[in-house]
Amino acid sequence: MILEHLRKVGVATVNELASVTGSSVATIRRDLQELDRSGAIRRAHGGAVLGEQDAPFASVVPVNRDAKRRIAARAAQLIADGESVILDIGTTTLQLARLLIDRPVTVITANLAIYEALRESRTAHLVMLPGDYDPVYRSVSGPLTTECLRMIRADHAFLGVSGVSDTGDLRDTTMAQVPVKQAIAEVSLDLTVLADRSKFPGTGLGRVRLPPNVARFITDAEVPGPIAGALAAQQVEVLVA
């Protein structure tokens, strides 16, 4: 059951796996130790990822693909020609990047998958951020990434998340990405969170306090009541694609 769940989501916390399997946290930890020793999974950040090097990103790309494409299409409508856009790591931002191939915009990213999507474009201007490469998430992070971001002022930024808490806080399974997301928020004039229905409430050990300049969430279904209330209280618009 652990392996089946990880094949669907790519990465999961111990508490999430305990809930999915109906087991205790202690049992899950013992099972993860055995699976880690066998090479089937890799323990990380209070949870686990599949053992294959690029399993989390590769396994998440096809999940809810149609919903992610609708979200990306709605996000693309917010971008005017000539504007600059920061695209966070993630599979929904990848779908958005593919819609910008023939657009005269500047795309700034730490996402290597987005680089691959846009590298042949003769219209979009691609700016790659430096940093420490993570082959699991096909992205870079670290002090170099955040410092270079702070040299930028972008018209738009689109954040990906692992989950959204009942208070509206953003969650991420990778702690190294938390300061990157915070830096993205600091340097963007208009900030949008892209999150399909699986992210509500979602999971993630890393916490990103909802930045004050988050203008909106774009999702594919109605947001659950407590989260919708928290976002409304902070004057964050929710668009359903």
C-alpha atoms as a PDB file:
ATOM      1  CA  MET A   1       0.000   0.000   0.000  1.00  0.00           C
ATOM      2  CA  ILE A   2       2.903   2.347   0.743  1.00  0.00           C
ATOM      3  CA  LEU A   3       4.454   1.712  -2.672  1.00  0.00           C
ATOM      4  CA  GLU A   4       1.103   2.038  -4.436  1.00  0.00           C
ATOM      5  CA  HIS A   5       0.496   5.427  -2.797  1.00  0.00           C
ATOM      6  CA  LEU A   6       4.010   6.661  -3.594  1.00  0.00           C
ATOM      7  CA  ARG A   7       3.582   5.663  -7.240  1.00  0.00           C
ATOM      8  CA  LYS A   8       0.529   7.944  -7.350  1.00  0.00           C
ATOM      9  CA  VAL A   9       1.912  10.976  -5.519  1.00  0.00           C
ATOM     10  CA  GLY A  10       5.683  10.523  -5.748  1.00  0.00           C
ATOM     11  CA  VAL A  11       6.447  11.739  -2.222  1.00  0.00           C
ATOM     12  CA  ALA A  12       4.564  11.449   1.087  1.00  0.00           C
ATOM     13  CA  THR A  13       5.030  12.146   4.788  1.00  0.00           C
ATOM     14  CA  VAL A  14       4.937   9.495   7.505  1.00  0.00           C
ATOM     15  CA  ASN A  15       1.619  10.851   8.823  1.00  0.00           C
ATOM     16  CA  GLU A  16       0.100  10.791   5.336  1.00  0.00           C
ATOM     17  CA  LEU A  17       1.139   7.172   4.821  1.00  0.00           C
ATOM     18  CA  ALA A  18      -0.231   6.206   8.224  1.00  0.00           C
ATOM     19  CA  SER A  19      -3.573   7.761   7.301  1.00  0.00           C
ATOM     20  CA  VAL A  20      -3.708   6.126   3.855  1.00  0.00           C
ATOM     21  CA  THR A  21      -2.828   2.652   5.151  1.00  0.00           C
ATOM     22  CA  GLY A  22      -4.682   2.798   8.461  1.00  0.00           C
ATOM     23  CA  SER A  23      -1.448   1.956  10.281  1.00  0.00           C
ATOM     24  CA  SER A  24       0.333   3.569  13.182  1.00  0.00           C
ATOM     25  CA  VAL A  25       3.159   6.050  12.650  1.00  0.00           C
ATOM     26  CA  ALA A  26       5.540   3.613  14.359  1.00  0.00           C
ATOM     27  CA  THR A  27       4.567   0.834  11.942  1.00  0.00           C
ATOM     28  CA  ILE A  28       5.054   3.113   8.936  1.00  0.00           C
ATOM     29  CA  ARG A  29       8.507   4.120  10.145  1.00  0.00           C
ATOM     30  CA  ARG A  30       9.516   0.453  10.488  1.00  0.00           C
ATOM     31  CA  ASP A  31       8.131  -0.346   7.033  1.00  0.00           C
ATOM     32  CA  LEU A  32       9.955   2.622   5.508  1.00  0.00           C
ATOM     33  CA  GLN A  33      13.219   1.430   7.029  1.00  0.00           C
ATOM     34  CA  GLU A  34      12.767  -1.969   5.384  1.00  0.00           C
ATOM     35  CA  LEU A  35      11.752  -0.450   2.034  1.00  0.00           C
ATOM     36  CA  ASP A  36      14.704   1.941   2.185  1.00  0.00           C
ATOM     37  CA  ARG A  37      17.131  -0.924   2.820  1.00  0.00           C
ATOM     38  CA  SER A  38      15.700  -2.785  -0.168  1.00  0.00           C
ATOM     39  CA  GLY A  39      16.136   0.270  -2.389  1.00  0.00           C
ATOM     40  CA  ALA A  40      12.414   0.506  -3.227  1.00  0.00           C
ATOM     41  CA  ILE A  41      12.069   3.947  -1.638  1.00  0.00           C
ATOM     42  CA  ARG A  42      14.289   6.662  -0.248  1.00  0.00           C
ATOM     43  CA  ARG A  43      13.533   8.195   3.139  1.00  0.00           C
ATOM     44  CA  ALA A  44      13.573  12.016   3.123  1.00  0.00           C
ATOM     45  CA  HIS A  45      12.213  14.944   5.138  1.00  0.00           C
ATOM     46  CA  GLY A  46      10.049  12.917   7.537  1.00  0.00           C
ATOM     47  CA  GLY A  47       8.611  10.756   4.801  1.00  0.00           C
ATOM     48  CA  ALA A  48       9.622   8.904   1.677  1.00  0.00           C
ATOM     49  CA  VAL A  49      10.049   9.130  -2.084  1.00  0.00           C
ATOM     50  CA  LEU A  50      10.312   6.350  -4.623  1.00  0.00           C
ATOM     51  CA  GLY A  51      13.759   4.839  -5.046  1.00  0.00           C
ATOM     52  CA  GLU A  52      14.202   5.911  -8.679  1.00  0.00           C
ATOM     53  CA  GLN A  53      16.250   9.075  -8.992  1.00  0.00           C
ATOM     54  CA  ASP A  54      13.607  11.169 -10.739  1.00  0.00           C
ATOM     55  CA  ALA A  55      10.529   9.348  -9.467  1.00  0.00           C
ATOM     56  CA  PRO A  56       8.731  12.211  -7.682  1.00  0.00           C
ATOM     57  CA  PHE A  57       8.698  14.606 -10.660  1.00  0.00           C
ATOM     58  CA  ALA A  58       8.183  11.928 -13.295  1.00  0.00           C
ATOM     59  CA  SER A  59       5.382  10.239 -11.376  1.00  0.00           C
ATOM     60  CA  VAL A  60       3.506  13.470 -10.631  1.00  0.00           C
ATOM     61  CA  VAL A  61       3.541  14.818 -14.216  1.00  0.00           C
ATOM     62  CA  PRO A  62       0.588  12.658 -15.415  1.00  0.00           C
ATOM     63  CA  VAL A  63      -1.457  13.028 -12.204  1.00  0.00           C
ATOM     64  CA  ASN A  64      -4.511  15.289 -12.762  1.00  0.00           C
ATOM     65  CA  ARG A  65      -2.957  16.373 -16.067  1.00  0.00           C
ATOM     66  CA  ASP A  66      -6.202  17.691 -17.576  1.00  0.00           C
ATOM     67  CA  ALA A  67      -6.896  19.780 -14.470  1.00  0.00           C
ATOM     68  CA  LYS A  68      -3.364  21.165 -14.515  1.00  0.00           C
ATOM     69  CA  ARG A  69      -3.758  22.138 -18.156  1.00  0.00           C
ATOM     70  CA  ARG A  70      -6.987  24.018 -17.398  1.00  0.00           C
ATOM     71  CA  ILE A  71      -5.315  25.799 -14.491  1.00  0.00           C
ATOM     72  CA  ALA A  72      -2.346  26.694 -16.687  1.00  0.00           C
ATOM     73  CA  ALA A  73      -4.603  28.016 -19.451  1.00  0.00           C
ATOM     74  CA  ARG A  74      -6.384  30.290 -16.970  1.00  0.00           C
ATOM     75  CA  ALA A  75      -3.046  31.486 -15.606  1.00  0.00           C
ATOM     76  CA  ALA A  76      -1.726  32.275 -19.095  1.00  0.00           C
ATOM     77  CA  GLN A  77      -4.610  34.707 -19.576  1.00  0.00           C
ATOM     78  CA  LEU A  78      -3.174  36.877 -16.785  1.00  0.00           C
ATOM     79  CA  ILE A  79       0.122  37.411 -18.614  1.00  0.00           C
ATOM     80  CA  ALA A  80       0.449  40.205 -21.182  1.00  0.00           C
ATOM     81  CA  ASP A  81       3.013  40.195 -23.968  1.00  0.00           C
ATOM     82  CA  GLY A  82       6.252  41.846 -22.913  1.00  0.00           C
ATOM     83  CA  GLU A  83       5.858  40.990 -19.225  1.00  0.00           C
ATOM     84  CA  SER A  84       8.271  39.068 -16.989  1.00  0.00           C
ATOM     85  CA  VAL A  85       7.146  35.884 -15.234  1.00  0.00           C
ATOM     86  CA  ILE A  86       8.730  33.758 -12.487  1.00  0.00           C
ATOM     87  CA  LEU A  87       7.690  30.119 -12.716  1.00  0.00           C
ATOM     88  CA  ASP A  88       8.193  27.995  -9.617  1.00  0.00           C
ATOM     89  CA  ILE A  89       9.095  24.309  -9.756  1.00  0.00           C
ATOM     90  CA  GLY A  90       6.257  21.851 -10.247  1.00  0.00           C
ATOM     91  CA  THR A  91       4.201  20.115 -12.897  1.00  0.00           C
ATOM     92  CA  THR A  92       1.427  22.731 -13.151  1.00  0.00           C
ATOM     93  CA  THR A  93       3.947  25.505 -13.796  1.00  0.00           C
ATOM     94  CA  LEU A  94       5.434  23.225 -16.444  1.00  0.00           C
ATOM     95  CA  GLN A  95       2.062  23.148 -18.199  1.00  0.00           C
ATOM     96  CA  LEU A  96       1.988  26.958 -18.036  1.00  0.00           C
ATOM     97  CA  ALA A  97       5.490  27.193 -19.523  1.00  0.00           C
ATOM     98  CA  ARG A  98       4.381  25.125 -22.513  1.00  0.00           C
ATOM     99  CA  LEU A  99       1.707  27.738 -23.228  1.00  0.00           C
ATOM    100  CA  LEU A 100       4.342  30.487 -23.305  1.00  0.00           C
ATOM    101  CA  ILE A 101       6.607  28.978 -25.981  1.00  0.00           C
ATOM    102  CA  ASP A 102       5.340  31.345 -28.681  1.00  0.00           C
ATOM    103  CA  ARG A 103       4.723  34.331 -26.409  1.00  0.00           C
ATOM    104  CA  PRO A 104       7.055  37.395 -26.245  1.00  0.00           C
ATOM    105  CA  VAL A 105       7.570  37.162 -22.489  1.00  0.00           C
ATOM    106  CA  THR A 106      10.526  36.722 -20.141  1.00  0.00           C
ATOM    107  CA  VAL A 107      10.390  33.506 -18.101  1.00  0.00           C
ATOM    108  CA  ILE A 108      12.584  33.194 -14.990  1.00  0.00           C
ATOM    109  CA  THR A 109      12.801  29.774 -13.362  1.00  0.00           C
ATOM    110  CA  ALA A 110      14.787  27.258 -11.326  1.00  0.00           C
ATOM    111  CA  ASN A 111      12.861  24.427 -12.965  1.00  0.00           C
ATOM    112  CA  LEU A 112      14.952  22.287 -15.341  1.00  0.00           C
ATOM    113  CA  ALA A 113      11.812  20.797 -16.897  1.00  0.00           C
ATOM    114  CA  ILE A 114      10.717  24.310 -17.866  1.00  0.00           C
ATOM    115  CA  TYR A 115      14.156  24.906 -19.375  1.00  0.00           C
ATOM    116  CA  GLU A 116      13.648  21.824 -21.544  1.00  0.00           C
ATOM    117  CA  ALA A 117      10.188  23.034 -22.583  1.00  0.00           C
ATOM    118  CA  LEU A 118      11.367  26.518 -23.603  1.00  0.00           C
ATOM    119  CA  ARG A 119      14.956  26.045 -24.734  1.00  0.00           C
ATOM    120  CA  GLU A 120      14.045  25.931 -28.443  1.00  0.00           C
ATOM    121  CA  SER A 121      11.739  28.952 -28.297  1.00  0.00           C
ATOM    122  CA  ARG A 122      12.719  31.886 -30.495  1.00  0.00           C
ATOM    123  CA  THR A 123      10.071  34.107 -28.915  1.00  0.00           C
ATOM    124  CA  ALA A 124      10.184  33.622 -25.151  1.00  0.00           C
ATOM    125  CA  HIS A 125      13.262  34.914 -23.315  1.00  0.00           C
ATOM    126  CA  LEU A 126      14.401  32.286 -20.794  1.00  0.00           C
ATOM    127  CA  VAL A 127      16.391  33.173 -17.661  1.00  0.00           C
ATOM    128  CA  MET A 128      17.713  30.224 -15.639  1.00  0.00           C
ATOM    129  CA  LEU A 129      18.442  30.690 -11.944  1.00  0.00           C
ATOM    130  CA  PRO A 130      21.630  29.154 -10.482  1.00  0.00           C
ATOM    131  CA  GLY A 131      21.789  26.912  -7.439  1.00  0.00           C
ATOM    132  CA  ASP A 132      22.329  23.426  -6.061  1.00  0.00           C
ATOM    133  CA  TYR A 133      20.808  20.857  -8.399  1.00  0.00           C
ATOM    134  CA  ASP A 134      18.270  18.363  -7.039  1.00  0.00           C
ATOM    135  CA  PRO A 135      17.872  15.449  -9.502  1.00  0.00           C
ATOM    136  CA  VAL A 136      14.737  14.213  -7.731  1.00  0.00           C
ATOM    137  CA  TYR A 137      12.790  17.430  -8.303  1.00  0.00           C
ATOM    138  CA  ARG A 138      14.703  18.532 -11.416  1.00  0.00           C
ATOM    139  CA  SER A 139      15.302  21.974  -9.984  1.00  0.00           C
ATOM    140  CA  VAL A 140      17.847  24.107  -8.189  1.00  0.00           C
ATOM    141  CA  SER A 141      17.687  25.778  -4.774  1.00  0.00           C
ATOM    142  CA  GLY A 142      19.923  27.238  -2.091  1.00  0.00           C
ATOM    143  CA  PRO A 143      21.542  30.626  -1.323  1.00  0.00           C
ATOM    144  CA  LEU A 144      22.592  31.270  -4.925  1.00  0.00           C
ATOM    145  CA  THR A 145      18.994  30.850  -6.059  1.00  0.00           C
ATOM    146  CA  THR A 146      17.495  33.170  -3.462  1.00  0.00           C
ATOM    147  CA  GLU A 147      20.184  35.849  -3.854  1.00  0.00           C
ATOM    148  CA  CYS A 148      19.763  35.960  -7.628  1.00  0.00           C
ATOM    149  CA  LEU A 149      16.003  36.171  -7.229  1.00  0.00           C
ATOM    150  CA  ARG A 150      16.430  39.278  -5.071  1.00  0.00           C
ATOM    151  CA  MET A 151      18.132  41.022  -8.011  1.00  0.00           C
ATOM    152  CA  ILE A 152      14.899  40.652 -10.018  1.00  0.00           C
ATOM    153  CA  ARG A 153      11.584  42.489 -10.109  1.00  0.00           C
ATOM    154  CA  ALA A 154       8.986  40.453 -12.018  1.00  0.00           C
ATOM    155  CA  ASP A 155       5.503  41.369 -13.184  1.00  0.00           C
ATOM    156  CA  HIS A 156       4.073  37.961 -12.270  1.00  0.00           C
ATOM    157  CA  ALA A 157       5.013  34.885 -10.294  1.00  0.00           C
ATOM    158  CA  PHE A 158       3.256  31.535 -10.257  1.00  0.00           C
ATOM    159  CA  LEU A 159       3.883  29.283  -7.273  1.00  0.00           C
ATOM    160  CA  GLY A 160       3.419  25.532  -7.084  1.00  0.00           C
ATOM    161  CA  VAL A 161       2.677  23.925  -3.716  1.00  0.00           C
ATOM    162  CA  SER A 162       2.518  20.479  -2.147  1.00  0.00           C
ATOM    163  CA  GLY A 163      -0.523  21.466  -0.117  1.00  0.00           C
ATOM    164  CA  VAL A 164      -2.583  24.245   1.438  1.00  0.00           C
ATOM    165  CA  SER A 165      -3.429  24.174   5.152  1.00  0.00           C
ATOM    166  CA  ASP A 166      -6.802  25.067   6.693  1.00  0.00           C
ATOM    167  CA  THR A 167      -5.329  28.473   7.601  1.00  0.00           C
ATOM    168  CA  GLY A 168      -4.346  29.138   3.996  1.00  0.00           C
ATOM    169  CA  ASP A 169      -0.631  28.612   4.582  1.00  0.00           C
ATOM    170  CA  LEU A 170       1.303  27.013   1.748  1.00  0.00           C
ATOM    171  CA  ARG A 171       3.024  23.672   2.371  1.00  0.00           C
ATOM    172  CA  ASP A 172       5.942  22.047   0.607  1.00  0.00           C
ATOM    173  CA  THR A 173       7.483  18.599   0.986  1.00  0.00           C
ATOM    174  CA  THR A 174      10.972  19.950   0.297  1.00  0.00           C
ATOM    175  CA  MET A 175      12.377  22.273   2.955  1.00  0.00           C
ATOM    176  CA  ALA A 176      15.023  23.614   0.554  1.00  0.00           C
ATOM    177  CA  GLN A 177      12.271  25.104  -1.594  1.00  0.00           C
ATOM    178  CA  VAL A 178      10.661  27.127   1.208  1.00  0.00           C
ATOM    179  CA  PRO A 179      13.150  30.060   1.118  1.00  0.00           C
ATOM    180  CA  VAL A 180      13.017  29.999  -2.693  1.00  0.00           C
ATOM    181  CA  LYS A 181       9.231  30.393  -2.647  1.00  0.00           C
ATOM    182  CA  GLN A 182       9.501  33.175  -0.083  1.00  0.00           C
ATOM    183  CA  ALA A 183      12.065  34.968  -2.269  1.00  0.00           C
ATOM    184  CA  ILE A 184       9.807  34.585  -5.316  1.00  0.00           C
ATOM    185  CA  ALA A 185       6.995  36.206  -3.351  1.00  0.00           C
ATOM    186  CA  GLU A 186       9.221  39.121  -2.333  1.00  0.00           C
ATOM    187  CA  VAL A 187      10.249  40.061  -5.879  1.00  0.00           C
ATOM    188  CA  SER A 188       6.960  39.696  -7.767  1.00  0.00           C
ATOM    189  CA  LEU A 189       4.323  42.380  -8.263  1.00  0.00           C
ATOM    190  CA  ASP A 190       1.476  39.929  -8.779  1.00  0.00           C
ATOM    191  CA  LEU A 191       1.548  36.487  -7.156  1.00  0.00           C
ATOM    192  CA  THR A 192      -0.647  33.524  -8.092  1.00  0.00           C
ATOM    193  CA  VAL A 193      -0.729  30.066  -6.509  1.00  0.00           C
ATOM    194  CA  LEU A 194      -1.503  27.173  -8.859  1.00  0.00           C
ATOM    195  CA  ALA A 195      -3.024  24.211  -7.014  1.00  0.00           C
ATOM    196  CA  ASP A 196      -5.257  21.411  -8.268  1.00  0.00           C
ATOM    197  CA  ARG A 197      -7.898  19.875  -5.994  1.00  0.00           C
ATOM    198  CA  SER A 198      -5.470  17.298  -4.557  1.00  0.00           C
ATOM    199  CA  LYS A 199      -3.596  20.120  -2.769  1.00  0.00           C
ATOM    200  CA  PHE A 200      -6.556  20.985  -0.516  1.00  0.00           C
ATOM    201  CA  PRO A 201      -5.670  20.407   2.239  1.00  0.00           C
ATOM    202  CA  GLY A 202      -2.587  18.557   0.968  1.00  0.00           C
ATOM    203  CA  THR A 203       0.583  17.868   2.912  1.00  0.00           C
ATOM    204  CA  GLY A 204       4.125  19.096   3.359  1.00  0.00           C
ATOM    205  CA  LEU A 205       6.505  19.650   6.250  1.00  0.00           C
ATOM    206  CA  GLY A 206       7.740  22.985   4.913  1.00  0.00           C
ATOM    207  CA  ARG A 207       5.523  25.963   5.749  1.00  0.00           C
ATOM    208  CA  VAL A 208       5.316  29.117   3.681  1.00  0.00           C
ATOM    209  CA  ARG A 209       3.198  31.761   5.381  1.00  0.00           C
ATOM    210  CA  LEU A 210       0.709  33.111   2.854  1.00  0.00           C
ATOM    211  CA  PRO A 211       2.545  36.157   1.460  1.00  0.00           C
ATOM    212  CA  PRO A 212       0.616  39.449   1.605  1.00  0.00           C
ATOM    213  CA  ASN A 213       0.955  39.954  -2.141  1.00  0.00           C
ATOM    214  CA  VAL A 214      -0.774  36.695  -3.098  1.00  0.00           C
ATOM    215  CA  ALA A 215      -3.521  37.961  -5.371  1.00  0.00           C
ATOM    216  CA  ARG A 216      -5.228  34.690  -6.179  1.00  0.00           C
ATOM    217  CA  PHE A 217      -5.351  30.912  -6.242  1.00  0.00           C
ATOM    218  CA  ILE A 218      -6.217  29.108  -9.463  1.00  0.00           C
ATOM    219  CA  THR A 219      -7.589  25.607  -8.995  1.00  0.00           C
ATOM    220  CA  ASP A 220      -9.895  23.142 -10.729  1.00  0.00           C
ATOM    221  CA  ALA A 221     -12.612  22.678  -8.091  1.00  0.00           C
ATOM    222  CA  GLU A 222     -14.339  24.514  -5.274  1.00  0.00           C
ATOM    223  CA  VAL A 223     -12.009  25.025  -2.333  1.00  0.00           C
ATOM    224  CA  PRO A 224     -13.067  23.318   0.942  1.00  0.00           C
ATOM    225  CA  GLY A 225     -14.918  25.575   3.398  1.00  0.00           C
ATOM    226  CA  PRO A 226     -12.241  26.243   6.051  1.00  0.00           C
ATOM    227  CA  ILE A 227      -9.575  27.030   3.459  1.00  0.00           C
ATOM    228  CA  ALA A 228     -11.975  29.145   1.395  1.00  0.00           C
ATOM    229  CA  GLY A 229     -12.806  31.122   4.540  1.00  0.00           C
ATOM    230  CA  ALA A 230      -9.145  31.639   5.407  1.00  0.00           C
ATOM    231  CA  LEU A 231      -8.367  32.864   1.888  1.00  0.00           C
ATOM    232  CA  ALA A 232     -11.396  35.166   1.809  1.00  0.00           C
ATOM    233  CA  ALA A 233     -10.352  36.681   5.152  1.00  0.00           C
ATOM    234  CA  GLN A 234      -7.007  37.544   3.588  1.00  0.00           C
ATOM    235  CA  GLN A 235      -8.699  38.967   0.473  1.00  0.00           C
ATOM    236  CA  VAL A 236      -7.246  36.277  -1.792  1.00  0.00           C
ATOM    237  CA  GLU A 237      -9.321  35.583  -4.905  1.00  0.00           C
ATOM    238  CA  VAL A 238     -10.035  31.961  -5.888  1.00  0.00           C
ATOM    239  CA  LEU A 239     -10.485  31.218  -9.584  1.00  0.00           C
ATOM    240  CA  VAL A 240     -11.829  27.830 -10.669  1.00  0.00           C
ATOM    241  CA  ALA A 241     -10.619  26.776 -14.111  1.00  0.00           C
END
